[in-house]
Amino acid sequence: MLKIISANVNGIRSAYKKGFYEYIAASGADIVCVQELKAQEPDLSEDMKNPHGMYGVWHCAEKRGYSGVAVYSRQRPDNVQIGMGIEEFDREGRFVRADFGNLSVISLYLPSGTSAPERQELKYRFLDAFYPMLAEMKAAGRDIVVCGDWNIAHQNIDLKNWKGNQKNSGFLPEERAWIGKVINDLGWTDMWRTLYPEEPGYTWWSNRGQAYANNVGWRIDYHMVTPGLAAKAVRAHVYKDEKFSDHAPLVVEYDYTPLYENNAVGAGLA
């Protein structure tokens, strides 16, 4: 069984103070994808670079205290890709990919457009640039999972207050249509919604009011998966026993033979 976790930590140093480091070990995860590191490489302690002996690859933003993504794995990747190859997005630390045999795991932090109209325009540029990348990856025939905070809720079931958010970034018609094309036209699988068609599966809650306590959430964190790997998905859950940030970890287990016989970094998590 292959267990992959995606977690927006909204600052890895803050999340570690709230127990995220211990959670990584207790989870038994094989691969952990993290978004919003909010740290430069010199700020990362050894435990943040390679938690519990895992192999870490990361892409930090140029701006301090902003964005950043990482992939931690029990096996050393065969190949790593840092960034998308597009400067506008790469300076914000939004994409890192690790390959293990025929499996590719990507940690993605798609831009939010909530802070200003200029950021929404950047978000649309990102969608335009990322779509052909998704098409190319899908056509390559590999087993791929794009984990991360996509900052888009696809359907009404994916957020509690959908009626009141139809004109807000994250639930705009253009954004929802884009996700629909990724699924229906390109053939990627939204793993949670496929496994649990009627379960909201919220992964983010506003810090305003009592959103978390009242479960007024959004499902904006995804495992977006190619068909071969999607067929091997067994179960998933949103981890809410502890609160590390305004997001909750999304955990998916796949009946997929681990590749740890060779080139393993550590014997396990402890």
C-alpha atoms as a PDB file:
ATOM      1  CA  MET A   1       0.000   0.000   0.000  1.00  0.00           C
ATOM      2  CA  LEU A   2       1.221   3.479  -0.907  1.00  0.00           C
ATOM      3  CA  LYS A   3       0.079   6.311   1.382  1.00  0.00           C
ATOM      4  CA  ILE A   4       0.428   9.865   0.048  1.00  0.00           C
ATOM      5  CA  ILE A   5      -0.444  12.977   2.043  1.00  0.00           C
ATOM      6  CA  SER A   6      -1.016  16.499   0.762  1.00  0.00           C
ATOM      7  CA  ALA A   7      -0.944  19.285   3.353  1.00  0.00           C
ATOM      8  CA  ASN A   8      -0.955  23.063   3.103  1.00  0.00           C
ATOM      9  CA  VAL A   9       0.809  23.951   6.349  1.00  0.00           C
ATOM     10  CA  ASN A  10       0.537  27.764   6.070  1.00  0.00           C
ATOM     11  CA  GLY A  11       4.072  28.083   7.390  1.00  0.00           C
ATOM     12  CA  ILE A  12       6.110  24.968   8.106  1.00  0.00           C
ATOM     13  CA  ARG A  13       7.746  26.444  11.201  1.00  0.00           C
ATOM     14  CA  SER A  14       4.315  27.205  12.659  1.00  0.00           C
ATOM     15  CA  ALA A  15       2.989  23.755  11.718  1.00  0.00           C
ATOM     16  CA  TYR A  16       5.958  22.025  13.346  1.00  0.00           C
ATOM     17  CA  LYS A  17       5.211  23.870  16.593  1.00  0.00           C
ATOM     18  CA  LYS A  18       1.681  22.444  16.366  1.00  0.00           C
ATOM     19  CA  GLY A  19       2.829  18.830  15.937  1.00  0.00           C
ATOM     20  CA  PHE A  20       3.107  18.375  12.170  1.00  0.00           C
ATOM     21  CA  TYR A  21       6.572  16.807  12.477  1.00  0.00           C
ATOM     22  CA  GLU A  22       5.215  14.156  14.844  1.00  0.00           C
ATOM     23  CA  TYR A  23       2.187  13.656  12.604  1.00  0.00           C
ATOM     24  CA  ILE A  24       4.395  12.788   9.625  1.00  0.00           C
ATOM     25  CA  ALA A  25       5.866   9.876  11.573  1.00  0.00           C
ATOM     26  CA  ALA A  26       2.583   8.747  13.125  1.00  0.00           C
ATOM     27  CA  SER A  27       0.803   8.824   9.759  1.00  0.00           C
ATOM     28  CA  GLY A  28       2.956   6.081   8.262  1.00  0.00           C
ATOM     29  CA  ALA A  29       3.054   8.049   5.013  1.00  0.00           C
ATOM     30  CA  ASP A  30       5.333   7.002   2.193  1.00  0.00           C
ATOM     31  CA  ILE A  31       5.218  10.442   0.545  1.00  0.00           C
ATOM     32  CA  VAL A  32       4.188  13.811   1.980  1.00  0.00           C
ATOM     33  CA  CYS A  33       3.535  16.827  -0.236  1.00  0.00           C
ATOM     34  CA  VAL A  34       3.618  20.179   1.538  1.00  0.00           C
ATOM     35  CA  GLN A  35       2.506  23.619   0.365  1.00  0.00           C
ATOM     36  CA  GLU A  36       3.032  27.119   1.771  1.00  0.00           C
ATOM     37  CA  LEU A  37       6.355  26.485   3.451  1.00  0.00           C
ATOM     38  CA  LYS A  38       6.648  30.256   3.981  1.00  0.00           C
ATOM     39  CA  ALA A  39      10.389  29.847   4.525  1.00  0.00           C
ATOM     40  CA  GLN A  40      13.643  30.313   2.658  1.00  0.00           C
ATOM     41  CA  GLU A  41      16.034  27.374   2.435  1.00  0.00           C
ATOM     42  CA  PRO A  42      18.308  28.757   5.221  1.00  0.00           C
ATOM     43  CA  ASP A  43      15.234  28.907   7.471  1.00  0.00           C
ATOM     44  CA  LEU A  44      14.600  25.175   7.116  1.00  0.00           C
ATOM     45  CA  SER A  45      15.977  23.052   9.923  1.00  0.00           C
ATOM     46  CA  GLU A  46      17.274  19.566   9.187  1.00  0.00           C
ATOM     47  CA  ASP A  47      13.964  18.167  10.475  1.00  0.00           C
ATOM     48  CA  MET A  48      12.141  20.377   7.989  1.00  0.00           C
ATOM     49  CA  LYS A  49      14.371  19.341   5.101  1.00  0.00           C
ATOM     50  CA  ASN A  50      14.458  15.599   5.806  1.00  0.00           C
ATOM     51  CA  PRO A  51      11.888  14.716   8.482  1.00  0.00           C
ATOM     52  CA  HIS A  52      12.456  11.338  10.112  1.00  0.00           C
ATOM     53  CA  GLY A  53      15.131  10.415   7.597  1.00  0.00           C
ATOM     54  CA  MET A  54      12.883  11.006   4.599  1.00  0.00           C
ATOM     55  CA  TYR A  55      14.333  12.479   1.426  1.00  0.00           C
ATOM     56  CA  GLY A  56      13.189  16.067   0.900  1.00  0.00           C
ATOM     57  CA  VAL A  57      13.038  18.243  -2.198  1.00  0.00           C
ATOM     58  CA  TRP A  58      11.663  21.765  -2.027  1.00  0.00           C
ATOM     59  CA  HIS A  59      11.068  24.912  -4.041  1.00  0.00           C
ATOM     60  CA  CYS A  60      11.105  28.078  -1.953  1.00  0.00           C
ATOM     61  CA  ALA A  61       9.746  31.424  -3.082  1.00  0.00           C
ATOM     62  CA  GLU A  62      12.096  34.354  -3.596  1.00  0.00           C
ATOM     63  CA  LYS A  63       9.874  36.471  -1.355  1.00  0.00           C
ATOM     64  CA  ARG A  64      10.433  35.826   2.332  1.00  0.00           C
ATOM     65  CA  GLY A  65       7.619  34.231   4.303  1.00  0.00           C
ATOM     66  CA  TYR A  66       5.694  33.357   1.157  1.00  0.00           C
ATOM     67  CA  SER A  67       4.512  30.270  -0.732  1.00  0.00           C
ATOM     68  CA  GLY A  68       6.964  27.364  -1.253  1.00  0.00           C
ATOM     69  CA  VAL A  69       6.370  23.641  -1.791  1.00  0.00           C
ATOM     70  CA  ALA A  70       8.097  20.389  -0.856  1.00  0.00           C
ATOM     71  CA  VAL A  71       7.947  16.619  -1.370  1.00  0.00           C
ATOM     72  CA  TYR A  72       9.174  14.248   1.341  1.00  0.00           C
ATOM     73  CA  SER A  73       9.592  10.578   0.480  1.00  0.00           C
ATOM     74  CA  ARG A  74      10.879   7.412   2.091  1.00  0.00           C
ATOM     75  CA  GLN A  75      12.720   6.658  -1.145  1.00  0.00           C
ATOM     76  CA  ARG A  76      15.200   8.895  -2.902  1.00  0.00           C
ATOM     77  CA  PRO A  77      13.641  10.052  -6.200  1.00  0.00           C
ATOM     78  CA  ASP A  78      15.160   8.956  -9.487  1.00  0.00           C
ATOM     79  CA  ASN A  79      14.624  12.452 -10.856  1.00  0.00           C
ATOM     80  CA  VAL A  80      13.509  15.832  -9.516  1.00  0.00           C
ATOM     81  CA  GLN A  81      12.032  18.865 -11.269  1.00  0.00           C
ATOM     82  CA  ILE A  82      12.135  22.156  -9.389  1.00  0.00           C
ATOM     83  CA  GLY A  83       9.695  24.654 -10.883  1.00  0.00           C
ATOM     84  CA  MET A  84       7.607  24.789 -14.035  1.00  0.00           C
ATOM     85  CA  GLY A  85      10.227  26.513 -16.177  1.00  0.00           C
ATOM     86  CA  ILE A  86       8.194  29.751 -16.200  1.00  0.00           C
ATOM     87  CA  GLU A  87       9.909  32.553 -14.286  1.00  0.00           C
ATOM     88  CA  GLU A  88       6.757  34.417 -13.287  1.00  0.00           C
ATOM     89  CA  PHE A  89       5.538  31.402 -11.339  1.00  0.00           C
ATOM     90  CA  ASP A  90       8.831  29.811 -10.389  1.00  0.00           C
ATOM     91  CA  ARG A  91       9.974  32.807  -8.370  1.00  0.00           C
ATOM     92  CA  GLU A  92       6.923  32.144  -6.176  1.00  0.00           C
ATOM     93  CA  GLY A  93       7.877  28.509  -5.440  1.00  0.00           C
ATOM     94  CA  ARG A  94       4.760  26.723  -6.655  1.00  0.00           C
ATOM     95  CA  PHE A  95       5.827  23.412  -8.244  1.00  0.00           C
ATOM     96  CA  VAL A  96       8.137  20.527  -7.405  1.00  0.00           C
ATOM     97  CA  ARG A  97       8.073  17.046  -8.945  1.00  0.00           C
ATOM     98  CA  ALA A  98       9.711  13.813  -7.810  1.00  0.00           C
ATOM     99  CA  ASP A  99       9.875  10.653  -9.972  1.00  0.00           C
ATOM    100  CA  PHE A 100      10.073   7.124  -8.581  1.00  0.00           C
ATOM    101  CA  GLY A 101      10.213   4.546 -11.356  1.00  0.00           C
ATOM    102  CA  ASN A 102       6.975   5.003 -13.303  1.00  0.00           C
ATOM    103  CA  LEU A 103       5.426   7.077 -10.510  1.00  0.00           C
ATOM    104  CA  SER A 104       5.574  10.877 -10.426  1.00  0.00           C
ATOM    105  CA  VAL A 105       4.430  12.909  -7.430  1.00  0.00           C
ATOM    106  CA  ILE A 106       3.960  16.681  -7.687  1.00  0.00           C
ATOM    107  CA  SER A 107       3.425  19.194  -4.909  1.00  0.00           C
ATOM    108  CA  LEU A 108       1.506  22.161  -6.320  1.00  0.00           C
ATOM    109  CA  TYR A 109       0.453  25.490  -4.857  1.00  0.00           C
ATOM    110  CA  LEU A 110      -1.806  27.179  -7.386  1.00  0.00           C
ATOM    111  CA  PRO A 111      -2.111  30.963  -6.949  1.00  0.00           C
ATOM    112  CA  SER A 112      -4.975  32.532  -5.061  1.00  0.00           C
ATOM    113  CA  GLY A 113      -6.725  35.507  -6.578  1.00  0.00           C
ATOM    114  CA  THR A 114      -8.389  36.787  -3.430  1.00  0.00           C
ATOM    115  CA  SER A 115      -5.967  39.569  -2.474  1.00  0.00           C
ATOM    116  CA  ALA A 116      -6.185  41.779  -5.584  1.00  0.00           C
ATOM    117  CA  PRO A 117      -7.435  41.833  -9.211  1.00  0.00           C
ATOM    118  CA  GLU A 118      -3.804  41.587 -10.356  1.00  0.00           C
ATOM    119  CA  ARG A 119      -3.443  38.306  -8.490  1.00  0.00           C
ATOM    120  CA  GLN A 120      -6.587  36.934 -10.124  1.00  0.00           C
ATOM    121  CA  GLU A 121      -5.102  37.783 -13.509  1.00  0.00           C
ATOM    122  CA  LEU A 122      -1.903  35.977 -12.519  1.00  0.00           C
ATOM    123  CA  LYS A 123      -4.023  33.022 -11.464  1.00  0.00           C
ATOM    124  CA  TYR A 124      -5.639  32.903 -14.908  1.00  0.00           C
ATOM    125  CA  ARG A 125      -2.197  33.069 -16.538  1.00  0.00           C
ATOM    126  CA  PHE A 126      -1.129  30.154 -14.363  1.00  0.00           C
ATOM    127  CA  LEU A 127      -4.173  28.130 -15.430  1.00  0.00           C
ATOM    128  CA  ASP A 128      -3.423  28.878 -19.090  1.00  0.00           C
ATOM    129  CA  ALA A 129       0.187  27.765 -18.681  1.00  0.00           C
ATOM    130  CA  PHE A 130      -0.492  24.733 -16.493  1.00  0.00           C
ATOM    131  CA  TYR A 131      -3.227  23.195 -18.670  1.00  0.00           C
ATOM    132  CA  PRO A 132      -0.894  22.153 -21.520  1.00  0.00           C
ATOM    133  CA  MET A 133       1.562  20.840 -18.916  1.00  0.00           C
ATOM    134  CA  LEU A 134      -1.191  18.640 -17.512  1.00  0.00           C
ATOM    135  CA  ALA A 135      -2.028  17.472 -21.031  1.00  0.00           C
ATOM    136  CA  GLU A 136       1.608  16.609 -21.717  1.00  0.00           C
ATOM    137  CA  MET A 137       2.006  14.755 -18.415  1.00  0.00           C
ATOM    138  CA  LYS A 138      -1.186  12.797 -18.991  1.00  0.00           C
ATOM    139  CA  ALA A 139      -0.035  11.818 -22.504  1.00  0.00           C
ATOM    140  CA  ALA A 140       3.294  10.517 -21.161  1.00  0.00           C
ATOM    141  CA  GLY A 141       1.584   7.404 -19.812  1.00  0.00           C
ATOM    142  CA  ARG A 142       3.139   7.593 -16.341  1.00  0.00           C
ATOM    143  CA  ASP A 143       1.386   7.132 -13.015  1.00  0.00           C
ATOM    144  CA  ILE A 144       1.129  10.710 -11.768  1.00  0.00           C
ATOM    145  CA  VAL A 145      -0.512  12.418  -8.809  1.00  0.00           C
ATOM    146  CA  VAL A 146      -0.628  16.201  -8.555  1.00  0.00           C
ATOM    147  CA  CYS A 147      -1.116  16.901  -4.863  1.00  0.00           C
ATOM    148  CA  GLY A 148      -1.764  20.286  -3.454  1.00  0.00           C
ATOM    149  CA  ASP A 149      -3.774  23.402  -2.881  1.00  0.00           C
ATOM    150  CA  TRP A 150      -5.443  24.205  -6.216  1.00  0.00           C
ATOM    151  CA  ASN A 151      -7.349  27.181  -4.728  1.00  0.00           C
ATOM    152  CA  ILE A 152     -10.471  26.226  -6.697  1.00  0.00           C
ATOM    153  CA  ALA A 153     -13.620  24.477  -5.487  1.00  0.00           C
ATOM    154  CA  HIS A 154     -15.073  22.617  -8.450  1.00  0.00           C
ATOM    155  CA  GLN A 155     -18.727  21.919  -7.620  1.00  0.00           C
ATOM    156  CA  ASN A 156     -21.412  23.149  -5.229  1.00  0.00           C
ATOM    157  CA  ILE A 157     -20.745  20.207  -2.913  1.00  0.00           C
ATOM    158  CA  ASP A 158     -17.152  21.384  -2.528  1.00  0.00           C
ATOM    159  CA  LEU A 159     -17.961  24.374  -0.337  1.00  0.00           C
ATOM    160  CA  LYS A 160     -20.580  25.002   2.300  1.00  0.00           C
ATOM    161  CA  ASN A 161     -21.658  28.475   1.233  1.00  0.00           C
ATOM    162  CA  TRP A 162     -21.623  27.996  -2.530  1.00  0.00           C
ATOM    163  CA  LYS A 163     -24.497  30.384  -3.216  1.00  0.00           C
ATOM    164  CA  GLY A 164     -22.688  33.279  -1.580  1.00  0.00           C
ATOM    165  CA  ASN A 165     -19.345  32.633  -3.264  1.00  0.00           C
ATOM    166  CA  GLN A 166     -20.227  32.463  -6.943  1.00  0.00           C
ATOM    167  CA  LYS A 167     -18.548  35.813  -7.621  1.00  0.00           C
ATOM    168  CA  ASN A 168     -15.510  35.165  -5.424  1.00  0.00           C
ATOM    169  CA  SER A 169     -12.080  33.896  -6.425  1.00  0.00           C
ATOM    170  CA  GLY A 170     -11.869  30.160  -5.894  1.00  0.00           C
ATOM    171  CA  PHE A 171     -15.422  29.545  -7.126  1.00  0.00           C
ATOM    172  CA  LEU A 172     -15.648  31.711 -10.228  1.00  0.00           C
ATOM    173  CA  PRO A 173     -17.308  30.118 -13.286  1.00  0.00           C
ATOM    174  CA  GLU A 174     -14.079  30.335 -15.310  1.00  0.00           C
ATOM    175  CA  GLU A 175     -12.092  28.574 -12.581  1.00  0.00           C
ATOM    176  CA  ARG A 176     -14.681  25.842 -12.125  1.00  0.00           C
ATOM    177  CA  ALA A 177     -14.861  25.304 -15.889  1.00  0.00           C
ATOM    178  CA  TRP A 178     -11.074  24.958 -16.008  1.00  0.00           C
ATOM    179  CA  ILE A 179     -11.110  22.209 -13.376  1.00  0.00           C
ATOM    180  CA  GLY A 180     -13.919  20.553 -15.311  1.00  0.00           C
ATOM    181  CA  LYS A 181     -11.795  20.522 -18.459  1.00  0.00           C
ATOM    182  CA  VAL A 182      -8.857  19.003 -16.570  1.00  0.00           C
ATOM    183  CA  ILE A 183     -11.133  16.162 -15.490  1.00  0.00           C
ATOM    184  CA  ASN A 184     -13.461  15.711 -18.460  1.00  0.00           C
ATOM    185  CA  ASP A 185     -11.287  16.740 -21.415  1.00  0.00           C
ATOM    186  CA  LEU A 186      -7.803  15.748 -20.257  1.00  0.00           C
ATOM    187  CA  GLY A 187      -8.922  12.700 -18.306  1.00  0.00           C
ATOM    188  CA  TRP A 188      -7.446  13.409 -14.884  1.00  0.00           C
ATOM    189  CA  THR A 189      -9.228  11.935 -11.846  1.00  0.00           C
ATOM    190  CA  ASP A 190     -10.267  14.033  -8.848  1.00  0.00           C
ATOM    191  CA  MET A 191      -9.514  11.255  -6.388  1.00  0.00           C
ATOM    192  CA  TRP A 192     -11.585  12.353  -3.418  1.00  0.00           C
ATOM    193  CA  ARG A 193     -14.705  13.106  -5.416  1.00  0.00           C
ATOM    194  CA  THR A 194     -14.369   9.806  -7.301  1.00  0.00           C
ATOM    195  CA  LEU A 195     -14.042   7.786  -4.094  1.00  0.00           C
ATOM    196  CA  TYR A 196     -16.691   9.738  -2.203  1.00  0.00           C
ATOM    197  CA  PRO A 197     -19.229  11.310  -4.591  1.00  0.00           C
ATOM    198  CA  GLU A 198     -21.496  12.598  -1.824  1.00  0.00           C
ATOM    199  CA  GLU A 199     -19.006  13.536   0.923  1.00  0.00           C
ATOM    200  CA  PRO A 200     -18.015  17.230   0.890  1.00  0.00           C
ATOM    201  CA  GLY A 201     -14.472  16.548   2.102  1.00  0.00           C
ATOM    202  CA  TYR A 202     -13.645  20.130   3.065  1.00  0.00           C
ATOM    203  CA  THR A 203      -9.918  20.805   3.510  1.00  0.00           C
ATOM    204  CA  TRP A 204      -9.834  24.561   4.232  1.00  0.00           C
ATOM    205  CA  TRP A 205     -11.694  26.818   6.619  1.00  0.00           C
ATOM    206  CA  SER A 206     -11.503  30.584   6.929  1.00  0.00           C
ATOM    207  CA  ASN A 207     -10.027  31.940  10.145  1.00  0.00           C
ATOM    208  CA  ARG A 208     -12.915  34.380  10.319  1.00  0.00           C
ATOM    209  CA  GLY A 209     -15.806  33.729  12.648  1.00  0.00           C
ATOM    210  CA  GLN A 210     -16.450  30.126  13.626  1.00  0.00           C
ATOM    211  CA  ALA A 211     -15.906  28.593  10.193  1.00  0.00           C
ATOM    212  CA  TYR A 212     -13.892  25.618  11.450  1.00  0.00           C
ATOM    213  CA  ALA A 213     -16.101  24.943  14.456  1.00  0.00           C
ATOM    214  CA  ASN A 214     -19.201  25.052  12.242  1.00  0.00           C
ATOM    215  CA  ASN A 215     -17.515  23.181   9.373  1.00  0.00           C
ATOM    216  CA  VAL A 216     -18.142  26.010   6.919  1.00  0.00           C
ATOM    217  CA  GLY A 217     -15.352  24.856   4.631  1.00  0.00           C
ATOM    218  CA  TRP A 218     -14.027  24.546   1.125  1.00  0.00           C
ATOM    219  CA  ARG A 219     -12.519  21.559  -0.670  1.00  0.00           C
ATOM    220  CA  ILE A 220      -9.581  23.131  -2.508  1.00  0.00           C
ATOM    221  CA  ASP A 221      -6.862  20.545  -1.809  1.00  0.00           C
ATOM    222  CA  TYR A 222      -6.705  17.710  -4.316  1.00  0.00           C
ATOM    223  CA  HIS A 223      -5.066  14.512  -5.401  1.00  0.00           C
ATOM    224  CA  MET A 224      -5.476  14.874  -9.180  1.00  0.00           C
ATOM    225  CA  VAL A 225      -4.468  11.502 -10.595  1.00  0.00           C
ATOM    226  CA  THR A 226      -3.861   9.768 -13.929  1.00  0.00           C
ATOM    227  CA  PRO A 227      -6.250   6.868 -14.679  1.00  0.00           C
ATOM    228  CA  GLY A 228      -3.891   3.954 -14.064  1.00  0.00           C
ATOM    229  CA  LEU A 229      -2.997   5.126 -10.582  1.00  0.00           C
ATOM    230  CA  ALA A 230      -6.545   6.290  -9.852  1.00  0.00           C
ATOM    231  CA  ALA A 231      -7.796   2.743 -10.426  1.00  0.00           C
ATOM    232  CA  LYS A 232      -5.559   1.637  -7.552  1.00  0.00           C
ATOM    233  CA  ALA A 233      -6.936   4.102  -4.995  1.00  0.00           C
ATOM    234  CA  VAL A 234      -8.411   2.265  -2.025  1.00  0.00           C
ATOM    235  CA  ARG A 235      -9.448   4.878   0.529  1.00  0.00           C
ATOM    236  CA  ALA A 236      -8.961   8.488   1.571  1.00  0.00           C
ATOM    237  CA  HIS A 237      -9.589  10.740   4.536  1.00  0.00           C
ATOM    238  CA  VAL A 238      -9.195  14.329   5.654  1.00  0.00           C
ATOM    239  CA  TYR A 239      -7.170  14.367   8.887  1.00  0.00           C
ATOM    240  CA  LYS A 240      -8.825  16.591  11.499  1.00  0.00           C
ATOM    241  CA  ASP A 241      -7.685  15.013  14.775  1.00  0.00           C
ATOM    242  CA  GLU A 242      -5.128  17.819  15.059  1.00  0.00           C
ATOM    243  CA  LYS A 243      -5.083  21.292  13.531  1.00  0.00           C
ATOM    244  CA  PHE A 244      -1.772  22.331  11.998  1.00  0.00           C
ATOM    245  CA  SER A 245      -3.027  25.238   9.863  1.00  0.00           C
ATOM    246  CA  ASP A 246      -6.186  26.588   8.231  1.00  0.00           C
ATOM    247  CA  HIS A 247      -6.019  23.513   5.948  1.00  0.00           C
ATOM    248  CA  ALA A 248      -6.297  19.839   6.889  1.00  0.00           C
ATOM    249  CA  PRO A 249      -4.112  17.086   5.396  1.00  0.00           C
ATOM    250  CA  LEU A 250      -5.675  15.053   2.605  1.00  0.00           C
ATOM    251  CA  VAL A 251      -4.577  11.409   2.770  1.00  0.00           C
ATOM    252  CA  VAL A 252      -5.048   8.875  -0.032  1.00  0.00           C
ATOM    253  CA  GLU A 253      -3.955   5.242  -0.013  1.00  0.00           C
ATOM    254  CA  TYR A 254      -3.211   3.385  -3.238  1.00  0.00           C
ATOM    255  CA  ASP A 255      -2.811  -0.352  -3.778  1.00  0.00           C
ATOM    256  CA  TYR A 256       0.495   0.367  -5.459  1.00  0.00           C
ATOM    257  CA  THR A 257       3.665  -1.610  -4.935  1.00  0.00           C
ATOM    258  CA  PRO A 258       6.198   0.578  -3.129  1.00  0.00           C
ATOM    259  CA  LEU A 259       9.586   0.899  -4.740  1.00  0.00           C
ATOM    260  CA  TYR A 260      11.576   0.836  -1.537  1.00  0.00           C
ATOM    261  CA  GLU A 261      13.602  -2.309  -2.142  1.00  0.00           C
ATOM    262  CA  ASN A 262      16.329  -0.189  -3.696  1.00  0.00           C
ATOM    263  CA  ASN A 263      17.732   3.250  -2.985  1.00  0.00           C
ATOM    264  CA  ALA A 264      15.807   3.692   0.249  1.00  0.00           C
ATOM    265  CA  VAL A 265      16.708   6.643   2.420  1.00  0.00           C
ATOM    266  CA  GLY A 266      15.613   5.144   5.727  1.00  0.00           C
ATOM    267  CA  ALA A 267      14.217   1.878   7.034  1.00  0.00           C
ATOM    268  CA  GLY A 268      11.080   3.660   8.148  1.00  0.00           C
ATOM    269  CA  LEU A 269       9.672   6.549  10.095  1.00  0.00           C
ATOM    270  CA  ALA A 270      10.426   6.864  13.776  1.00  0.00           C
END
